[in-house]
Amino acid sequence: MTMSRPNKCILIVDDDAAIRQTLSELLEEEGYLVASVANGREALDYLRDDPSSISLVLLDLMMPVMDGFQFRAEQKRDPMLASMPIVVMTARGGTDRAGIDADAVISKPFDVLKLMDTIERSCRRG
């Protein structure tokens, strides 16, 4: 049974269209609103257009145009976006924060239950 999560919109930032689609479907089934973009530059543009619309960013690290590290550096410099919760998704070995300042780090491939628990906790903080 899907629980209603009003005002909880998640921005998925990943260059892999299949991952964006799969995550979007999963999160929508759980009652979240979802937006998605293919790189960090698109994410910054989206967030700067309406920063209050997003509760959490799911951020891939390795992307063309602007990677997750560059996105996070730019996000932290923008006072309107700096405190927005970030959950990093990475295929890089281990989840030892992946060398990035984030609320949480999730390894690809995902453990769906762990991913959903991390999203839920991070959304409550934000």
C-alpha atoms as a PDB file:
ATOM      1  CA  MET A   1       0.000   0.000   0.000  1.00  0.00           C
ATOM      2  CA  THR A   2       1.416   3.371  -1.022  1.00  0.00           C
ATOM      3  CA  MET A   3       1.627   6.052   1.615  1.00  0.00           C
ATOM      4  CA  SER A   4       0.859   9.639   0.647  1.00  0.00           C
ATOM      5  CA  ARG A   5       3.857  11.937   0.911  1.00  0.00           C
ATOM      6  CA  PRO A   6       2.583  15.446   0.153  1.00  0.00           C
ATOM      7  CA  ASN A   7       5.185  18.008  -0.846  1.00  0.00           C
ATOM      8  CA  LYS A   8       7.943  15.389  -1.107  1.00  0.00           C
ATOM      9  CA  CYS A   9       9.476  15.720  -4.539  1.00  0.00           C
ATOM     10  CA  ILE A  10      12.757  14.022  -5.344  1.00  0.00           C
ATOM     11  CA  LEU A  11      15.117  15.151  -8.096  1.00  0.00           C
ATOM     12  CA  ILE A  12      17.008  12.270  -9.706  1.00  0.00           C
ATOM     13  CA  VAL A  13      20.301  13.339 -11.299  1.00  0.00           C
ATOM     14  CA  ASP A  14      21.830  10.543 -13.385  1.00  0.00           C
ATOM     15  CA  ASP A  15      23.053  10.302 -16.969  1.00  0.00           C
ATOM     16  CA  ASP A  16      21.696   6.761 -17.328  1.00  0.00           C
ATOM     17  CA  ALA A  17      18.140   7.035 -18.660  1.00  0.00           C
ATOM     18  CA  ALA A  18      17.268   3.493 -17.529  1.00  0.00           C
ATOM     19  CA  ILE A  19      18.276   4.288 -13.938  1.00  0.00           C
ATOM     20  CA  ARG A  20      16.270   7.520 -14.003  1.00  0.00           C
ATOM     21  CA  GLN A  21      13.221   5.651 -15.314  1.00  0.00           C
ATOM     22  CA  THR A  22      13.500   2.773 -12.840  1.00  0.00           C
ATOM     23  CA  LEU A  23      13.998   5.085  -9.856  1.00  0.00           C
ATOM     24  CA  SER A  24      11.161   7.335 -11.003  1.00  0.00           C
ATOM     25  CA  GLU A  25       8.752   4.396 -11.201  1.00  0.00           C
ATOM     26  CA  LEU A  26       9.849   3.042  -7.813  1.00  0.00           C
ATOM     27  CA  LEU A  27       9.546   6.398  -6.062  1.00  0.00           C
ATOM     28  CA  GLU A  28       6.207   7.228  -7.677  1.00  0.00           C
ATOM     29  CA  GLU A  29       4.853   3.842  -6.527  1.00  0.00           C
ATOM     30  CA  GLU A  30       5.883   4.878  -2.999  1.00  0.00           C
ATOM     31  CA  GLY A  31       3.929   8.122  -3.302  1.00  0.00           C
ATOM     32  CA  TYR A  32       6.726  10.579  -4.078  1.00  0.00           C
ATOM     33  CA  LEU A  33       6.642  13.177  -6.797  1.00  0.00           C
ATOM     34  CA  VAL A  34       9.668  12.825  -9.068  1.00  0.00           C
ATOM     35  CA  ALA A  35      11.657  14.993 -11.452  1.00  0.00           C
ATOM     36  CA  SER A  36      14.785  13.849 -13.263  1.00  0.00           C
ATOM     37  CA  VAL A  37      17.676  15.325 -15.204  1.00  0.00           C
ATOM     38  CA  ALA A  38      20.757  13.901 -16.930  1.00  0.00           C
ATOM     39  CA  ASN A  39      23.605  15.885 -15.360  1.00  0.00           C
ATOM     40  CA  GLY A  40      24.633  18.348 -12.678  1.00  0.00           C
ATOM     41  CA  ARG A  41      24.221  21.430 -14.882  1.00  0.00           C
ATOM     42  CA  GLU A  42      20.603  20.528 -15.634  1.00  0.00           C
ATOM     43  CA  ALA A  43      20.065  19.863 -11.925  1.00  0.00           C
ATOM     44  CA  LEU A  44      21.363  23.302 -10.913  1.00  0.00           C
ATOM     45  CA  ASP A  45      19.177  24.967 -13.547  1.00  0.00           C
ATOM     46  CA  TYR A  46      16.136  23.009 -12.351  1.00  0.00           C
ATOM     47  CA  LEU A  47      16.776  23.759  -8.678  1.00  0.00           C
ATOM     48  CA  ARG A  48      17.491  27.439  -9.217  1.00  0.00           C
ATOM     49  CA  ASP A  49      14.238  27.793 -11.133  1.00  0.00           C
ATOM     50  CA  ASP A  50      12.185  26.543  -8.147  1.00  0.00           C
ATOM     51  CA  PRO A  51      14.316  25.460  -5.162  1.00  0.00           C
ATOM     52  CA  SER A  52      11.378  24.953  -2.807  1.00  0.00           C
ATOM     53  CA  SER A  53       9.818  22.294  -5.044  1.00  0.00           C
ATOM     54  CA  ILE A  54      12.463  19.642  -4.249  1.00  0.00           C
ATOM     55  CA  SER A  55      12.828  17.835  -0.908  1.00  0.00           C
ATOM     56  CA  LEU A  56      15.835  15.687  -1.812  1.00  0.00           C
ATOM     57  CA  VAL A  57      18.372  15.193  -4.602  1.00  0.00           C
ATOM     58  CA  LEU A  58      19.485  11.683  -5.612  1.00  0.00           C
ATOM     59  CA  LEU A  59      22.860  12.420  -7.186  1.00  0.00           C
ATOM     60  CA  ASP A  60      25.024  10.219  -9.382  1.00  0.00           C
ATOM     61  CA  LEU A  61      28.732  11.074  -9.256  1.00  0.00           C
ATOM     62  CA  MET A  62      29.994  10.180 -12.706  1.00  0.00           C
ATOM     63  CA  MET A  63      28.183  12.143 -15.430  1.00  0.00           C
ATOM     64  CA  PRO A  64      29.118  14.181 -18.493  1.00  0.00           C
ATOM     65  CA  VAL A  65      28.705  17.985 -18.671  1.00  0.00           C
ATOM     66  CA  MET A  66      28.814  18.436 -14.871  1.00  0.00           C
ATOM     67  CA  ASP A  67      29.545  15.510 -12.559  1.00  0.00           C
ATOM     68  CA  GLY A  68      28.255  15.033  -9.027  1.00  0.00           C
ATOM     69  CA  PHE A  69      31.359  16.515  -7.408  1.00  0.00           C
ATOM     70  CA  GLN A  70      31.070  19.715  -9.468  1.00  0.00           C
ATOM     71  CA  PHE A  71      27.332  19.895  -8.829  1.00  0.00           C
ATOM     72  CA  ARG A  72      27.836  19.566  -5.072  1.00  0.00           C
ATOM     73  CA  ALA A  73      30.509  22.292  -5.035  1.00  0.00           C
ATOM     74  CA  GLU A  74      28.200  24.671  -6.936  1.00  0.00           C
ATOM     75  CA  GLN A  75      25.198  23.732  -4.812  1.00  0.00           C
ATOM     76  CA  LYS A  76      27.067  24.476  -1.583  1.00  0.00           C
ATOM     77  CA  ARG A  77      28.057  27.924  -2.911  1.00  0.00           C
ATOM     78  CA  ASP A  78      24.424  28.857  -3.562  1.00  0.00           C
ATOM     79  CA  PRO A  79      22.717  29.986  -0.318  1.00  0.00           C
ATOM     80  CA  MET A  80      19.277  29.005  -1.665  1.00  0.00           C
ATOM     81  CA  LEU A  81      20.419  25.437  -2.386  1.00  0.00           C
ATOM     82  CA  ALA A  82      23.202  24.756   0.125  1.00  0.00           C
ATOM     83  CA  SER A  83      21.108  23.032   2.779  1.00  0.00           C
ATOM     84  CA  MET A  84      19.135  20.791   0.398  1.00  0.00           C
ATOM     85  CA  PRO A  85      19.605  17.112   1.339  1.00  0.00           C
ATOM     86  CA  ILE A  86      21.769  15.066  -1.022  1.00  0.00           C
ATOM     87  CA  VAL A  87      21.898  11.285  -1.329  1.00  0.00           C
ATOM     88  CA  VAL A  88      24.772  10.199  -3.546  1.00  0.00           C
ATOM     89  CA  MET A  89      24.378   7.148  -5.765  1.00  0.00           C
ATOM     90  CA  THR A  90      27.646   5.611  -6.861  1.00  0.00           C
ATOM     91  CA  ALA A  91      29.078   2.544  -8.539  1.00  0.00           C
ATOM     92  CA  ARG A  92      32.478   3.449  -7.090  1.00  0.00           C
ATOM     93  CA  GLY A  93      33.580   0.851  -4.571  1.00  0.00           C
ATOM     94  CA  GLY A  94      32.283   1.215  -1.035  1.00  0.00           C
ATOM     95  CA  THR A  95      30.026   3.759   0.580  1.00  0.00           C
ATOM     96  CA  ASP A  96      32.673   5.546   2.625  1.00  0.00           C
ATOM     97  CA  ARG A  97      31.040   8.866   1.705  1.00  0.00           C
ATOM     98  CA  ALA A  98      32.585   8.463  -1.777  1.00  0.00           C
ATOM     99  CA  GLY A  99      34.801  11.459  -1.090  1.00  0.00           C
ATOM    100  CA  ILE A 100      31.852  13.857  -1.145  1.00  0.00           C
ATOM    101  CA  ASP A 101      29.913  15.780   1.487  1.00  0.00           C
ATOM    102  CA  ALA A 102      26.432  14.257   1.393  1.00  0.00           C
ATOM    103  CA  ASP A 103      23.659  13.214   3.752  1.00  0.00           C
ATOM    104  CA  ALA A 104      24.086   9.606   2.636  1.00  0.00           C
ATOM    105  CA  VAL A 105      25.830   7.454   0.035  1.00  0.00           C
ATOM    106  CA  ILE A 106      24.165   4.459  -1.622  1.00  0.00           C
ATOM    107  CA  SER A 107      26.033   1.906  -3.745  1.00  0.00           C
ATOM    108  CA  LYS A 108      24.883   0.832  -7.183  1.00  0.00           C
ATOM    109  CA  PRO A 109      23.384  -1.647  -7.742  1.00  0.00           C
ATOM    110  CA  PHE A 110      20.829  -0.621  -5.145  1.00  0.00           C
ATOM    111  CA  ASP A 111      19.397  -2.528  -2.262  1.00  0.00           C
ATOM    112  CA  VAL A 112      15.853  -1.191  -2.720  1.00  0.00           C
ATOM    113  CA  LEU A 113      14.904  -1.395   0.971  1.00  0.00           C
ATOM    114  CA  LYS A 114      18.072   0.418   2.028  1.00  0.00           C
ATOM    115  CA  LEU A 115      17.542   3.038  -0.682  1.00  0.00           C
ATOM    116  CA  MET A 116      13.958   3.704   0.406  1.00  0.00           C
ATOM    117  CA  ASP A 117      14.956   3.885   4.078  1.00  0.00           C
ATOM    118  CA  THR A 118      17.746   6.346   3.250  1.00  0.00           C
ATOM    119  CA  ILE A 119      15.400   8.502   1.157  1.00  0.00           C
ATOM    120  CA  GLU A 120      12.770   8.538   3.894  1.00  0.00           C
ATOM    121  CA  ARG A 121      15.301   9.549   6.580  1.00  0.00           C
ATOM    122  CA  SER A 122      16.898  12.199   4.368  1.00  0.00           C
ATOM    123  CA  CYS A 123      13.537  13.724   3.409  1.00  0.00           C
ATOM    124  CA  ARG A 124      12.620  14.092   7.093  1.00  0.00           C
ATOM    125  CA  ARG A 125      15.875  15.983   7.728  1.00  0.00           C
ATOM    126  CA  GLY A 126      15.338  18.344   4.827  1.00  0.00           C
END
